[in-house]
Amino acid sequence: MADFSKSSTKYLLFTCAVILLISVSLPVSLAETEGTPKYVGSLACKPCHEKEYKSFVTYAKKSTSFRSIERLEKELTEKEIKGCYHCHTTGYGKPGGFISPEKTPHLKNAGCEVCHGPGEFHVKKRDPSYIKRHLTAKDCEVCHTSERVRAFRYKPLIHGGAH
């Protein structure tokens, strides 16, 4: 062990180095210990949330939202189509989210995770703390902006929920 009695600067540097080593080796958050959760698709929610899942696929238009893109596909440029992906698919542009209908078909509609967040950890651990549970109008307004409501002439069921 070094002799720190002669130099408080050496002691201070040694202490800082130890603190730095400890802080670097300890996880700061759950995301650092487990990585970024991936999107798993709405079907993964069904086993535990059967009633909600059935209601979602029966009544929520977003459960088939990719059809809107498919109907207009021939009239849109590739850039315009990709602009639709943000609201008509699950997790587009985010880690583990929608890439394309071919690569990630289970995420091609706006599913449960659009509102509740990526479900990988929630599904694996069956722990509700891994998803967003208390939604607000702000969550809906990511896609349901007043401009889009006017442009597409639809009335979203904000707070009506999907299930």
C-alpha atoms as a PDB file:
ATOM      1  CA  MET A   1       0.000   0.000   0.000  1.00  0.00           C
ATOM      2  CA  ALA A   2       1.303   3.480  -0.786  1.00  0.00           C
ATOM      3  CA  ASP A   3       2.433   5.880   1.953  1.00  0.00           C
ATOM      4  CA  PHE A   4      -0.016   8.817   1.853  1.00  0.00           C
ATOM      5  CA  SER A   5       1.206  10.564   5.011  1.00  0.00           C
ATOM      6  CA  LYS A   6       3.613  12.800   3.086  1.00  0.00           C
ATOM      7  CA  SER A   7       1.274  13.955   0.353  1.00  0.00           C
ATOM      8  CA  SER A   8      -2.382  14.773   0.593  1.00  0.00           C
ATOM      9  CA  THR A   9      -2.401  15.159  -3.191  1.00  0.00           C
ATOM     10  CA  LYS A  10      -1.406  11.504  -3.657  1.00  0.00           C
ATOM     11  CA  TYR A  11      -4.099  10.458  -1.180  1.00  0.00           C
ATOM     12  CA  LEU A  12      -6.692  12.564  -2.968  1.00  0.00           C
ATOM     13  CA  LEU A  13      -5.724  11.124  -6.368  1.00  0.00           C
ATOM     14  CA  PHE A  14      -5.778   7.572  -4.978  1.00  0.00           C
ATOM     15  CA  THR A  15      -9.235   8.143  -3.410  1.00  0.00           C
ATOM     16  CA  CYS A  16     -10.601   9.609  -6.643  1.00  0.00           C
ATOM     17  CA  ALA A  17      -9.246   6.657  -8.624  1.00  0.00           C
ATOM     18  CA  VAL A  18     -10.898   4.164  -6.244  1.00  0.00           C
ATOM     19  CA  ILE A  19     -14.219   6.024  -6.375  1.00  0.00           C
ATOM     20  CA  LEU A  20     -14.035   6.176 -10.160  1.00  0.00           C
ATOM     21  CA  LEU A  21     -13.322   2.446 -10.420  1.00  0.00           C
ATOM     22  CA  ILE A  22     -16.216   1.611  -8.102  1.00  0.00           C
ATOM     23  CA  SER A  23     -18.664   3.923  -9.851  1.00  0.00           C
ATOM     24  CA  VAL A  24     -17.709   2.610 -13.295  1.00  0.00           C
ATOM     25  CA  SER A  25     -18.193  -0.986 -12.190  1.00  0.00           C
ATOM     26  CA  LEU A  26     -21.607  -0.438 -10.543  1.00  0.00           C
ATOM     27  CA  PRO A  27     -24.724  -0.296 -12.724  1.00  0.00           C
ATOM     28  CA  VAL A  28     -26.379   3.093 -12.770  1.00  0.00           C
ATOM     29  CA  SER A  29     -29.714   1.964 -14.108  1.00  0.00           C
ATOM     30  CA  LEU A  30     -31.705  -1.091 -15.049  1.00  0.00           C
ATOM     31  CA  ALA A  31     -31.163  -0.351 -18.739  1.00  0.00           C
ATOM     32  CA  GLU A  32     -27.410  -0.613 -18.198  1.00  0.00           C
ATOM     33  CA  THR A  33     -27.692  -3.982 -16.483  1.00  0.00           C
ATOM     34  CA  GLU A  34     -30.144  -5.520 -18.933  1.00  0.00           C
ATOM     35  CA  GLY A  35     -29.719  -3.466 -22.092  1.00  0.00           C
ATOM     36  CA  THR A  36     -32.451  -1.700 -23.999  1.00  0.00           C
ATOM     37  CA  PRO A  37     -35.743  -3.608 -24.018  1.00  0.00           C
ATOM     38  CA  LYS A  38     -36.892  -4.788 -27.433  1.00  0.00           C
ATOM     39  CA  TYR A  39     -40.341  -4.668 -28.939  1.00  0.00           C
ATOM     40  CA  VAL A  40     -42.038  -8.073 -28.885  1.00  0.00           C
ATOM     41  CA  GLY A  41     -45.326  -7.405 -30.673  1.00  0.00           C
ATOM     42  CA  SER A  42     -48.903  -7.424 -29.385  1.00  0.00           C
ATOM     43  CA  LEU A  43     -49.310 -11.170 -29.703  1.00  0.00           C
ATOM     44  CA  ALA A  44     -46.798 -11.558 -26.853  1.00  0.00           C
ATOM     45  CA  CYS A  45     -49.257  -9.690 -24.597  1.00  0.00           C
ATOM     46  CA  LYS A  46     -52.140 -12.065 -25.298  1.00  0.00           C
ATOM     47  CA  PRO A  47     -51.303 -14.940 -22.890  1.00  0.00           C
ATOM     48  CA  CYS A  48     -51.572 -12.705 -19.805  1.00  0.00           C
ATOM     49  CA  HIS A  49     -53.903  -9.997 -21.132  1.00  0.00           C
ATOM     50  CA  GLU A  50     -56.324 -12.054 -23.185  1.00  0.00           C
ATOM     51  CA  LYS A  51     -59.389  -9.842 -22.596  1.00  0.00           C
ATOM     52  CA  GLU A  52     -57.482  -6.645 -23.433  1.00  0.00           C
ATOM     53  CA  TYR A  53     -55.857  -8.258 -26.458  1.00  0.00           C
ATOM     54  CA  LYS A  54     -59.214  -9.449 -27.831  1.00  0.00           C
ATOM     55  CA  SER A  55     -60.732  -6.005 -27.352  1.00  0.00           C
ATOM     56  CA  PHE A  56     -57.701  -4.391 -28.987  1.00  0.00           C
ATOM     57  CA  VAL A  57     -57.793  -6.519 -32.144  1.00  0.00           C
ATOM     58  CA  THR A  58     -61.599  -6.278 -32.332  1.00  0.00           C
ATOM     59  CA  TYR A  59     -62.119  -2.536 -31.790  1.00  0.00           C
ATOM     60  CA  ALA A  60     -58.872  -0.596 -32.122  1.00  0.00           C
ATOM     61  CA  LYS A  61     -58.233   0.632 -35.654  1.00  0.00           C
ATOM     62  CA  LYS A  62     -54.548   0.869 -34.843  1.00  0.00           C
ATOM     63  CA  SER A  63     -54.397  -2.926 -34.586  1.00  0.00           C
ATOM     64  CA  THR A  64     -54.645  -2.918 -38.399  1.00  0.00           C
ATOM     65  CA  SER A  65     -53.036   0.474 -39.021  1.00  0.00           C
ATOM     66  CA  PHE A  66     -50.559  -0.810 -41.595  1.00  0.00           C
ATOM     67  CA  ARG A  67     -53.457  -1.346 -44.008  1.00  0.00           C
ATOM     68  CA  SER A  68     -53.627   2.435 -44.440  1.00  0.00           C
ATOM     69  CA  ILE A  69     -50.060   2.423 -45.724  1.00  0.00           C
ATOM     70  CA  GLU A  70     -50.732  -0.522 -48.012  1.00  0.00           C
ATOM     71  CA  ARG A  71     -53.798   1.208 -49.505  1.00  0.00           C
ATOM     72  CA  LEU A  72     -51.819   4.349 -50.353  1.00  0.00           C
ATOM     73  CA  GLU A  73     -48.479   2.719 -51.110  1.00  0.00           C
ATOM     74  CA  LYS A  74     -48.660   3.197 -54.882  1.00  0.00           C
ATOM     75  CA  GLU A  75     -49.359   6.917 -54.496  1.00  0.00           C
ATOM     76  CA  LEU A  76     -46.512   7.603 -52.048  1.00  0.00           C
ATOM     77  CA  THR A  77     -42.768   7.913 -52.373  1.00  0.00           C
ATOM     78  CA  GLU A  78     -40.548   5.670 -50.256  1.00  0.00           C
ATOM     79  CA  LYS A  79     -39.739   8.670 -48.047  1.00  0.00           C
ATOM     80  CA  GLU A  80     -43.454   9.413 -47.539  1.00  0.00           C
ATOM     81  CA  ILE A  81     -44.142   5.770 -46.695  1.00  0.00           C
ATOM     82  CA  LYS A  82     -41.373   5.787 -44.077  1.00  0.00           C
ATOM     83  CA  GLY A  83     -42.929   8.945 -42.633  1.00  0.00           C
ATOM     84  CA  CYS A  84     -46.113   6.952 -42.040  1.00  0.00           C
ATOM     85  CA  TYR A  85     -44.215   4.246 -40.160  1.00  0.00           C
ATOM     86  CA  HIS A  86     -43.822   6.402 -37.038  1.00  0.00           C
ATOM     87  CA  CYS A  87     -47.535   6.209 -36.243  1.00  0.00           C
ATOM     88  CA  HIS A  88     -48.695   3.150 -38.163  1.00  0.00           C
ATOM     89  CA  THR A  89     -46.139   0.636 -36.854  1.00  0.00           C
ATOM     90  CA  THR A  90     -44.615  -0.289 -33.501  1.00  0.00           C
ATOM     91  CA  GLY A  91     -41.266   1.186 -32.514  1.00  0.00           C
ATOM     92  CA  TYR A  92     -40.154   2.454 -35.912  1.00  0.00           C
ATOM     93  CA  GLY A  93     -36.814   4.241 -35.622  1.00  0.00           C
ATOM     94  CA  LYS A  94     -36.220   2.924 -32.107  1.00  0.00           C
ATOM     95  CA  PRO A  95     -33.945   0.082 -30.959  1.00  0.00           C
ATOM     96  CA  GLY A  96     -35.651  -3.241 -31.606  1.00  0.00           C
ATOM     97  CA  GLY A  97     -38.599  -1.592 -33.358  1.00  0.00           C
ATOM     98  CA  PHE A  98     -40.238  -2.004 -36.770  1.00  0.00           C
ATOM     99  CA  ILE A  99     -37.845  -2.152 -39.713  1.00  0.00           C
ATOM    100  CA  SER A 100     -39.953  -3.479 -42.589  1.00  0.00           C
ATOM    101  CA  PRO A 101     -42.930  -5.795 -43.136  1.00  0.00           C
ATOM    102  CA  GLU A 102     -40.503  -8.503 -44.243  1.00  0.00           C
ATOM    103  CA  LYS A 103     -37.994  -8.205 -41.383  1.00  0.00           C
ATOM    104  CA  THR A 104     -40.376  -7.378 -38.505  1.00  0.00           C
ATOM    105  CA  PRO A 105     -43.902  -8.457 -39.506  1.00  0.00           C
ATOM    106  CA  HIS A 106     -44.970  -8.750 -35.840  1.00  0.00           C
ATOM    107  CA  LEU A 107     -44.482  -4.971 -35.476  1.00  0.00           C
ATOM    108  CA  LYS A 108     -46.136  -3.808 -38.689  1.00  0.00           C
ATOM    109  CA  ASN A 109     -49.233  -2.374 -36.970  1.00  0.00           C
ATOM    110  CA  ALA A 110     -49.467   0.127 -34.136  1.00  0.00           C
ATOM    111  CA  GLY A 111     -49.648  -2.334 -31.267  1.00  0.00           C
ATOM    112  CA  CYS A 112     -49.755  -2.373 -27.484  1.00  0.00           C
ATOM    113  CA  GLU A 113     -46.149  -1.218 -27.187  1.00  0.00           C
ATOM    114  CA  VAL A 114     -46.811   2.035 -29.033  1.00  0.00           C
ATOM    115  CA  CYS A 115     -48.532   3.239 -25.876  1.00  0.00           C
ATOM    116  CA  HIS A 116     -47.000   1.024 -23.191  1.00  0.00           C
ATOM    117  CA  GLY A 117     -43.395   0.941 -24.412  1.00  0.00           C
ATOM    118  CA  PRO A 118     -41.170  -1.989 -25.392  1.00  0.00           C
ATOM    119  CA  GLY A 119     -42.446  -5.137 -23.691  1.00  0.00           C
ATOM    120  CA  GLU A 120     -39.457  -7.481 -23.680  1.00  0.00           C
ATOM    121  CA  PHE A 121     -38.605  -7.139 -19.970  1.00  0.00           C
ATOM    122  CA  HIS A 122     -42.267  -7.010 -18.927  1.00  0.00           C
ATOM    123  CA  VAL A 123     -42.988 -10.265 -20.765  1.00  0.00           C
ATOM    124  CA  LYS A 124     -39.852 -12.040 -19.502  1.00  0.00           C
ATOM    125  CA  LYS A 125     -40.213 -10.995 -15.864  1.00  0.00           C
ATOM    126  CA  ARG A 126     -44.001 -10.556 -15.711  1.00  0.00           C
ATOM    127  CA  ASP A 127     -43.367  -7.326 -13.864  1.00  0.00           C
ATOM    128  CA  PRO A 128     -45.621  -4.309 -14.569  1.00  0.00           C
ATOM    129  CA  SER A 129     -42.880  -1.860 -13.613  1.00  0.00           C
ATOM    130  CA  TYR A 130     -41.236  -2.515 -16.973  1.00  0.00           C
ATOM    131  CA  ILE A 131     -44.022  -0.893 -19.009  1.00  0.00           C
ATOM    132  CA  LYS A 132     -45.871   2.400 -18.959  1.00  0.00           C
ATOM    133  CA  ARG A 133     -49.169   1.834 -17.185  1.00  0.00           C
ATOM    134  CA  HIS A 134     -50.742   5.235 -16.555  1.00  0.00           C
ATOM    135  CA  LEU A 135     -51.270   6.857 -19.923  1.00  0.00           C
ATOM    136  CA  THR A 136     -52.297  10.447 -20.552  1.00  0.00           C
ATOM    137  CA  ALA A 137     -53.519  12.430 -23.543  1.00  0.00           C
ATOM    138  CA  LYS A 138     -49.884  13.462 -24.140  1.00  0.00           C
ATOM    139  CA  ASP A 139     -49.080   9.830 -24.916  1.00  0.00           C
ATOM    140  CA  CYS A 140     -51.800   9.760 -27.580  1.00  0.00           C
ATOM    141  CA  GLU A 141     -50.828  13.136 -29.021  1.00  0.00           C
ATOM    142  CA  VAL A 142     -47.511  11.784 -30.252  1.00  0.00           C
ATOM    143  CA  CYS A 143     -49.482  10.531 -33.260  1.00  0.00           C
ATOM    144  CA  HIS A 144     -52.924  12.044 -32.756  1.00  0.00           C
ATOM    145  CA  THR A 145     -51.912  15.667 -33.320  1.00  0.00           C
ATOM    146  CA  SER A 146     -54.605  18.226 -34.086  1.00  0.00           C
ATOM    147  CA  GLU A 147     -53.116  18.671 -37.582  1.00  0.00           C
ATOM    148  CA  ARG A 148     -53.418  14.963 -38.367  1.00  0.00           C
ATOM    149  CA  VAL A 149     -56.937  14.785 -36.984  1.00  0.00           C
ATOM    150  CA  ARG A 150     -57.973  17.584 -39.379  1.00  0.00           C
ATOM    151  CA  ALA A 151     -55.971  16.262 -42.355  1.00  0.00           C
ATOM    152  CA  PHE A 152     -57.237  12.692 -42.163  1.00  0.00           C
ATOM    153  CA  ARG A 153     -60.760  13.534 -40.955  1.00  0.00           C
ATOM    154  CA  TYR A 154     -60.910  11.046 -38.144  1.00  0.00           C
ATOM    155  CA  LYS A 155     -61.720  11.425 -34.503  1.00  0.00           C
ATOM    156  CA  PRO A 156     -59.346   9.419 -32.361  1.00  0.00           C
ATOM    157  CA  LEU A 157     -60.668   7.813 -29.232  1.00  0.00           C
ATOM    158  CA  ILE A 158     -58.244   9.557 -26.908  1.00  0.00           C
ATOM    159  CA  HIS A 159     -58.865   8.121 -23.445  1.00  0.00           C
ATOM    160  CA  GLY A 160     -61.332   5.698 -25.015  1.00  0.00           C
ATOM    161  CA  GLY A 161     -58.362   3.405 -25.088  1.00  0.00           C
ATOM    162  CA  ALA A 162     -57.774   0.339 -27.100  1.00  0.00           C
ATOM    163  CA  HIS A 163     -58.895  -2.121 -24.452  1.00  0.00           C
END
